[in-house]
Structures are given as structure tokens and as C-alpha cells.
Amino acid sequence: MIHGVGAMPVEVDGRLIDDTTIQLDRPLKPGEERVVVRLRKHPKKTTKLHAPEEYVLKLAEKDLEELY
């Protein structure tokens, strides 16, 4: 390690436990002080439903009324 320069960050796999906690797949080794965290976006699954136009327009109308 160069004097005045900290340890290089390491990449460790892990999983998100909640909004503020990440559980690492392995403990840090001696000398490993920092971990790089890269968040991956997972595409949300969407479901297409076929509905009559009148039904969709009624829902949209109710949503617009709630906005105002």
C-alpha cells in the first residue's frame, strides 16, 4: 500500500435486505476496508390486461377527479 493512499475498494456480491442494509456474500478479508456498491435496475414485470375502452376511460376520469 502506498503511504497516504487507502486500500483499493473491492467488489463483493451481496443482496439488499431493506432500504439501508446490504448483506455481503462473504466477509471482508484483512486489509479490505471499503466496498464498491453498484445498484442494478431490475425491470419490473408488467402484465397486459385487455379491457374495454369505456372501462379504461371511467378509471381515468376518476383519477383526474382525484387530482383536482
PDB file of N, CA and C in Angstrom:
ATOM      1  N   MET A   1       0.843  -1.174   0.000  1.00  0.00           N
ATOM      2  CA  MET A   1       0.000   0.000   0.000  1.00  0.00           C
ATOM      3  C   MET A   1       0.892   1.242   0.000  1.00  0.00           C
ATOM      4  N   ILE A   2       0.581   2.201  -0.813  1.00  0.00           N
ATOM      5  CA  ILE A   2       1.335   3.452  -0.899  1.00  0.00           C
ATOM      6  C   ILE A   2       0.951   4.325   0.286  1.00  0.00           C
ATOM      7  N   HIS A   3       1.942   4.966   0.902  1.00  0.00           N
ATOM      8  CA  HIS A   3       1.683   5.823   2.058  1.00  0.00           C
ATOM      9  C   HIS A   3       0.707   6.937   1.690  1.00  0.00           C
ATOM     10  N   GLY A   4      -0.323   7.119   2.509  1.00  0.00           N
ATOM     11  CA  GLY A   4      -1.300   8.179   2.267  1.00  0.00           C
ATOM     12  C   GLY A   4      -2.439   7.774   1.355  1.00  0.00           C
ATOM     13  N   VAL A   5      -2.337   6.584   0.781  1.00  0.00           N
ATOM     14  CA  VAL A   5      -3.401   6.113  -0.103  1.00  0.00           C
ATOM     15  C   VAL A   5      -4.085   4.933   0.571  1.00  0.00           C
ATOM     16  N   GLY A   6      -5.407   4.981   0.677  1.00  0.00           N
ATOM     17  CA  GLY A   6      -6.145   3.897   1.319  1.00  0.00           C
ATOM     18  C   GLY A   6      -6.189   2.664   0.449  1.00  0.00           C
ATOM     19  N   ALA A   7      -6.709   1.614   1.032  1.00  0.00           N
ATOM     20  CA  ALA A   7      -6.846   0.364   0.289  1.00  0.00           C
ATOM     21  C   ALA A   7      -7.811   0.559  -0.869  1.00  0.00           C
ATOM     22  N   MET A   8      -7.573  -0.193  -1.918  1.00  0.00           N
ATOM     23  CA  MET A   8      -8.466  -0.125  -3.077  1.00  0.00           C
ATOM     24  C   MET A   8      -9.815  -0.724  -2.697  1.00  0.00           C
ATOM     25  N   PRO A   9     -10.885  -0.153  -3.196  1.00  0.00           N
ATOM     26  CA  PRO A   9     -12.194  -0.751  -2.917  1.00  0.00           C
ATOM     27  C   PRO A   9     -12.305  -2.109  -3.595  1.00  0.00           C
ATOM     28  N   VAL A  10     -13.024  -3.014  -2.954  1.00  0.00           N
ATOM     29  CA  VAL A  10     -13.206  -4.359  -3.504  1.00  0.00           C
ATOM     30  C   VAL A  10     -14.646  -4.525  -3.945  1.00  0.00           C
ATOM     31  N   GLU A  11     -14.848  -5.463  -4.842  1.00  0.00           N
ATOM     32  CA  GLU A  11     -16.201  -5.787  -5.284  1.00  0.00           C
ATOM     33  C   GLU A  11     -16.608  -7.105  -4.654  1.00  0.00           C
ATOM     34  N   VAL A  12     -17.709  -7.072  -3.941  1.00  0.00           N
ATOM     35  CA  VAL A  12     -18.235  -8.254  -3.272  1.00  0.00           C
ATOM     36  C   VAL A  12     -19.703  -8.355  -3.625  1.00  0.00           C
ATOM     37  N   ASP A  13     -20.150  -9.546  -3.974  1.00  0.00           N
ATOM     38  CA  ASP A  13     -21.576  -9.734  -4.232  1.00  0.00           C
ATOM     39  C   ASP A  13     -22.339  -9.688  -2.915  1.00  0.00           C
ATOM     40  N   GLY A  14     -23.575  -9.289  -3.013  1.00  0.00           N
ATOM     41  CA  GLY A  14     -24.423  -9.226  -1.832  1.00  0.00           C
ATOM     42  C   GLY A  14     -25.863  -9.029  -2.250  1.00  0.00           C
ATOM     43  N   ARG A  15     -26.717  -8.851  -1.254  1.00  0.00           N
ATOM     44  CA  ARG A  15     -28.126  -8.614  -1.566  1.00  0.00           C
ATOM     45  C   ARG A  15     -28.675  -7.549  -0.640  1.00  0.00           C
ATOM     46  N   LEU A  16     -29.673  -6.850  -1.129  1.00  0.00           N
ATOM     47  CA  LEU A  16     -30.309  -5.780  -0.380  1.00  0.00           C
ATOM     48  C   LEU A  16     -31.303  -6.394   0.588  1.00  0.00           C
ATOM     49  N   ILE A  17     -31.127  -6.136   1.877  1.00  0.00           N
ATOM     50  CA  ILE A  17     -32.012  -6.669   2.914  1.00  0.00           C
ATOM     51  C   ILE A  17     -33.211  -5.746   3.092  1.00  0.00           C
ATOM     52  N   ASP A  18     -32.952  -4.460   3.211  1.00  0.00           N
ATOM     53  CA  ASP A  18     -34.013  -3.452   3.300  1.00  0.00           C
ATOM     54  C   ASP A  18     -33.476  -2.169   2.680  1.00  0.00           C
ATOM     55  N   ASP A  19     -34.111  -1.050   2.953  1.00  0.00           N
ATOM     56  CA  ASP A  19     -33.707   0.208   2.313  1.00  0.00           C
ATOM     57  C   ASP A  19     -32.306   0.676   2.700  1.00  0.00           C
ATOM     58  N   THR A  20     -31.781   0.191   3.828  1.00  0.00           N
ATOM     59  CA  THR A  20     -30.497   0.708   4.290  1.00  0.00           C
ATOM     60  C   THR A  20     -29.449  -0.363   4.569  1.00  0.00           C
ATOM     61  N   THR A  21     -29.744  -1.636   4.336  1.00  0.00           N
ATOM     62  CA  THR A  21     -28.824  -2.708   4.706  1.00  0.00           C
ATOM     63  C   THR A  21     -28.502  -3.602   3.515  1.00  0.00           C
ATOM     64  N   ILE A  22     -27.211  -3.839   3.302  1.00  0.00           N
ATOM     65  CA  ILE A  22     -26.753  -4.763   2.267  1.00  0.00           C
ATOM     66  C   ILE A  22     -26.016  -5.899   2.967  1.00  0.00           C
ATOM     67  N   GLN A  23     -26.412  -7.144   2.700  1.00  0.00           N
ATOM     68  CA  GLN A  23     -25.732  -8.306   3.259  1.00  0.00           C
ATOM     69  C   GLN A  23     -24.734  -8.816   2.227  1.00  0.00           C
ATOM     70  N   LEU A  24     -23.451  -8.852   2.613  1.00  0.00           N
ATOM     71  CA  LEU A  24     -22.401  -9.313   1.710  1.00  0.00           C
ATOM     72  C   LEU A  24     -22.379 -10.833   1.679  1.00  0.00           C
ATOM     73  N   ASP A  25     -22.004 -11.398   0.535  1.00  0.00           N
ATOM     74  CA  ASP A  25     -21.931 -12.852   0.395  1.00  0.00           C
ATOM     75  C   ASP A  25     -20.730 -13.450   1.132  1.00  0.00           C
ATOM     76  N   ARG A  26     -19.760 -12.628   1.450  1.00  0.00           N
ATOM     77  CA  ARG A  26     -18.602 -13.103   2.208  1.00  0.00           C
ATOM     78  C   ARG A  26     -18.082 -11.946   3.058  1.00  0.00           C
ATOM     79  N   PRO A  27     -17.437 -12.252   4.183  1.00  0.00           N
ATOM     80  CA  PRO A  27     -16.865 -11.164   4.988  1.00  0.00           C
ATOM     81  C   PRO A  27     -15.676 -10.536   4.266  1.00  0.00           C
ATOM     82  N   LEU A  28     -15.370  -9.310   4.626  1.00  0.00           N
ATOM     83  CA  LEU A  28     -14.195  -8.659   4.049  1.00  0.00           C
ATOM     84  C   LEU A  28     -12.934  -9.327   4.572  1.00  0.00           C
ATOM     85  N   LYS A  29     -11.927  -9.423   3.721  1.00  0.00           N
ATOM     86  CA  LYS A  29     -10.640 -10.009   4.106  1.00  0.00           C
ATOM     87  C   LYS A  29      -9.832  -8.955   4.856  1.00  0.00           C
ATOM     88  N   PRO A  30      -8.824  -9.370   5.633  1.00  0.00           N
ATOM     89  CA  PRO A  30      -7.962  -8.391   6.305  1.00  0.00           C
ATOM     90  C   PRO A  30      -7.364  -7.426   5.283  1.00  0.00           C
ATOM     91  N   GLY A  31      -7.424  -6.164   5.574  1.00  0.00           N
ATOM     92  CA  GLY A  31      -6.907  -5.146   4.665  1.00  0.00           C
ATOM     93  C   GLY A  31      -7.957  -4.581   3.727  1.00  0.00           C
ATOM     94  N   GLU A  32      -9.063  -5.279   3.555  1.00  0.00           N
ATOM     95  CA  GLU A  32     -10.163  -4.757   2.735  1.00  0.00           C
ATOM     96  C   GLU A  32     -11.016  -3.861   3.634  1.00  0.00           C
ATOM     97  N   GLU A  33     -11.039  -2.593   3.308  1.00  0.00           N
ATOM     98  CA  GLU A  33     -11.726  -1.640   4.170  1.00  0.00           C
ATOM     99  C   GLU A  33     -12.976  -1.051   3.534  1.00  0.00           C
ATOM    100  N   ARG A  34     -13.014  -1.036   2.217  1.00  0.00           N
ATOM    101  CA  ARG A  34     -14.135  -0.392   1.531  1.00  0.00           C
ATOM    102  C   ARG A  34     -14.720  -1.334   0.501  1.00  0.00           C
ATOM    103  N   VAL A  35     -15.994  -1.176   0.272  1.00  0.00           N
ATOM    104  CA  VAL A  35     -16.698  -1.990  -0.714  1.00  0.00           C
ATOM    105  C   VAL A  35     -17.369  -1.053  -1.704  1.00  0.00           C
ATOM    106  N   VAL A  36     -17.267  -1.363  -2.984  1.00  0.00           N
ATOM    107  CA  VAL A  36     -17.966  -0.604  -4.018  1.00  0.00           C
ATOM    108  C   VAL A  36     -19.363  -1.180  -4.154  1.00  0.00           C
ATOM    109  N   VAL A  37     -20.358  -0.321  -4.130  1.00  0.00           N
ATOM    110  CA  VAL A  37     -21.744  -0.772  -4.286  1.00  0.00           C
ATOM    111  C   VAL A  37     -22.275  -0.228  -5.598  1.00  0.00           C
ATOM    112  N   ARG A  38     -22.702  -1.130  -6.467  1.00  0.00           N
ATOM    113  CA  ARG A  38     -23.328  -0.736  -7.730  1.00  0.00           C
ATOM    114  C   ARG A  38     -24.724  -1.315  -7.720  1.00  0.00           C
ATOM    115  N   LEU A  39     -25.701  -0.460  -7.868  1.00  0.00           N
ATOM    116  CA  LEU A  39     -27.085  -0.921  -7.869  1.00  0.00           C
ATOM    117  C   LEU A  39     -27.498  -1.282  -9.283  1.00  0.00           C
ATOM    118  N   ARG A  40     -28.140  -2.429  -9.429  1.00  0.00           N
ATOM    119  CA  ARG A  40     -28.647  -2.860 -10.729  1.00  0.00           C
ATOM    120  C   ARG A  40     -30.144  -2.635 -10.756  1.00  0.00           C
ATOM    121  N   LYS A  41     -30.608  -2.141 -11.869  1.00  0.00           N
ATOM    122  CA  LYS A  41     -32.048  -1.956 -12.027  1.00  0.00           C
ATOM    123  C   LYS A  41     -32.640  -3.250 -12.560  1.00  0.00           C
ATOM    124  N   HIS A  42     -33.621  -3.745 -11.858  1.00  0.00           N
ATOM    125  CA  HIS A  42     -34.333  -4.927 -12.321  1.00  0.00           C
ATOM    126  C   HIS A  42     -35.632  -4.469 -12.955  1.00  0.00           C
ATOM    127  N   PRO A  43     -35.860  -4.834 -14.187  1.00  0.00           N
ATOM    128  CA  PRO A  43     -37.120  -4.420 -14.811  1.00  0.00           C
ATOM    129  C   PRO A  43     -38.296  -5.051 -14.083  1.00  0.00           C
ATOM    130  N   LYS A  44     -39.285  -4.220 -13.823  1.00  0.00           N
ATOM    131  CA  LYS A  44     -40.487  -4.727 -13.170  1.00  0.00           C
ATOM    132  C   LYS A  44     -41.290  -5.537 -14.172  1.00  0.00           C
ATOM    133  N   LYS A  45     -41.865  -6.599 -13.688  1.00  0.00           N
ATOM    134  CA  LYS A  45     -42.722  -7.392 -14.558  1.00  0.00           C
ATOM    135  C   LYS A  45     -44.028  -6.641 -14.755  1.00  0.00           C
ATOM    136  N   THR A  46     -44.464  -6.578 -15.967  1.00  0.00           N
ATOM    137  CA  THR A  46     -45.740  -5.942 -16.252  1.00  0.00           C
ATOM    138  C   THR A  46     -46.672  -6.974 -16.859  1.00  0.00           C
ATOM    139  N   THR A  47     -47.918  -6.778 -16.576  1.00  0.00           N
ATOM    140  CA  THR A  47     -48.931  -7.676 -17.108  1.00  0.00           C
ATOM    141  C   THR A  47     -49.876  -6.860 -17.962  1.00  0.00           C
ATOM    142  N   LYS A  48     -50.094  -7.301 -19.160  1.00  0.00           N
ATOM    143  CA  LYS A  48     -51.035  -6.617 -20.037  1.00  0.00           C
ATOM    144  C   LYS A  48     -52.412  -7.227 -19.847  1.00  0.00           C
ATOM    145  N   LEU A  49     -53.357  -6.367 -19.591  1.00  0.00           N
ATOM    146  CA  LEU A  49     -54.742  -6.804 -19.467  1.00  0.00           C
ATOM    147  C   LEU A  49     -55.556  -6.115 -20.549  1.00  0.00           C
ATOM    148  N   HIS A  50     -56.403  -6.846 -21.182  1.00  0.00           N
ATOM    149  CA  HIS A  50     -57.278  -6.262 -22.189  1.00  0.00           C
ATOM    150  C   HIS A  50     -58.578  -5.847 -21.502  1.00  0.00           C
ATOM    151  N   ALA A  51     -58.953  -4.580 -21.679  1.00  0.00           N
ATOM    152  CA  ALA A  51     -60.165  -4.061 -21.051  1.00  0.00           C
ATOM    153  C   ALA A  51     -60.899  -3.196 -22.066  1.00  0.00           C
ATOM    154  N   PRO A  52     -62.219  -3.149 -21.939  1.00  0.00           N
ATOM    155  CA  PRO A  52     -62.989  -2.291 -22.842  1.00  0.00           C
ATOM    156  C   PRO A  52     -62.604  -0.821 -22.657  1.00  0.00           C
ATOM    157  N   GLU A  53     -62.621  -0.081 -23.739  1.00  0.00           N
ATOM    158  CA  GLU A  53     -62.234   1.331 -23.702  1.00  0.00           C
ATOM    159  C   GLU A  53     -63.078   2.124 -22.713  1.00  0.00           C
ATOM    160  N   GLU A  54     -64.382   1.820 -22.635  1.00  0.00           N
ATOM    161  CA  GLU A  54     -65.256   2.570 -21.716  1.00  0.00           C
ATOM    162  C   GLU A  54     -64.780   2.407 -20.271  1.00  0.00           C
ATOM    163  N   TYR A  55     -64.369   1.204 -19.912  1.00  0.00           N
ATOM    164  CA  TYR A  55     -63.906   0.930 -18.552  1.00  0.00           C
ATOM    165  C   TYR A  55     -62.639   1.733 -18.249  1.00  0.00           C
ATOM    166  N   VAL A  56     -61.709   1.746 -19.188  1.00  0.00           N
ATOM    167  CA  VAL A  56     -60.458   2.480 -19.005  1.00  0.00           C
ATOM    168  C   VAL A  56     -60.733   3.972 -18.877  1.00  0.00           C
ATOM    169  N   LEU A  57     -61.640   4.496 -19.691  1.00  0.00           N
ATOM    170  CA  LEU A  57     -61.967   5.923 -19.626  1.00  0.00           C
ATOM    171  C   LEU A  57     -62.618   6.281 -18.296  1.00  0.00           C
ATOM    172  N   LYS A  58     -63.466   5.395 -17.754  1.00  0.00           N
ATOM    173  CA  LYS A  58     -64.077   5.650 -16.442  1.00  0.00           C
ATOM    174  C   LYS A  58     -63.008   5.711 -15.356  1.00  0.00           C
ATOM    175  N   LEU A  59     -62.059   4.795 -15.403  1.00  0.00           N
ATOM    176  CA  LEU A  59     -60.972   4.816 -14.419  1.00  0.00           C
ATOM    177  C   LEU A  59     -60.148   6.095 -14.535  1.00  0.00           C
ATOM    178  N   ALA A  60     -59.839   6.482 -15.754  1.00  0.00           N
ATOM    179  CA  ALA A  60     -59.055   7.698 -15.978  1.00  0.00           C
ATOM    180  C   ALA A  60     -59.813   8.920 -15.479  1.00  0.00           C
ATOM    181  N   GLU A  61     -61.124   8.941 -15.690  1.00  0.00           N
ATOM    182  CA  GLU A  61     -61.940  10.071 -15.244  1.00  0.00           C
ATOM    183  C   GLU A  61     -61.907  10.182 -13.726  1.00  0.00           C
ATOM    184  N   LYS A  62     -62.016   9.059 -13.025  1.00  0.00           N
ATOM    185  CA  LYS A  62     -61.955   9.074 -11.559  1.00  0.00           C
ATOM    186  C   LYS A  62     -60.591   9.558 -11.081  1.00  0.00           C
ATOM    187  N   ASP A  63     -59.528   9.114 -11.731  1.00  0.00           N
ATOM    188  CA  ASP A  63     -58.188   9.557 -11.347  1.00  0.00           C
ATOM    189  C   ASP A  63     -58.029  11.057 -11.546  1.00  0.00           C
ATOM    190  N   LEU A  64     -58.550  11.583 -12.647  1.00  0.00           N
ATOM    191  CA  LEU A  64     -58.467  13.024 -12.903  1.00  0.00           C
ATOM    192  C   LEU A  64     -59.251  13.805 -11.862  1.00  0.00           C
ATOM    193  N   GLU A  65     -60.425  13.292 -11.460  1.00  0.00           N
ATOM    194  CA  GLU A  65     -61.222  13.967 -10.435  1.00  0.00           C
ATOM    195  C   GLU A  65     -60.466  14.024  -9.115  1.00  0.00           C
ATOM    196  N   GLU A  66     -59.745  12.960  -8.776  1.00  0.00           N
ATOM    197  CA  GLU A  66     -58.988  12.931  -7.524  1.00  0.00           C
ATOM    198  C   GLU A  66     -57.815  13.905  -7.551  1.00  0.00           C
ATOM    199  N   LEU A  67     -57.272  14.186  -8.721  1.00  0.00           N
ATOM    200  CA  LEU A  67     -56.159  15.122  -8.830  1.00  0.00           C
ATOM    201  C   LEU A  67     -56.592  16.561  -8.585  1.00  0.00           C
ATOM    202  N   TYR A  68     -57.831  16.864  -8.889  1.00  0.00           N
ATOM    203  CA  TYR A  68     -58.304  18.245  -8.752  1.00  0.00           C
ATOM    204  C   TYR A  68     -59.074  18.462  -7.522  1.00  0.00           C
TER     205      TYR A  68
END
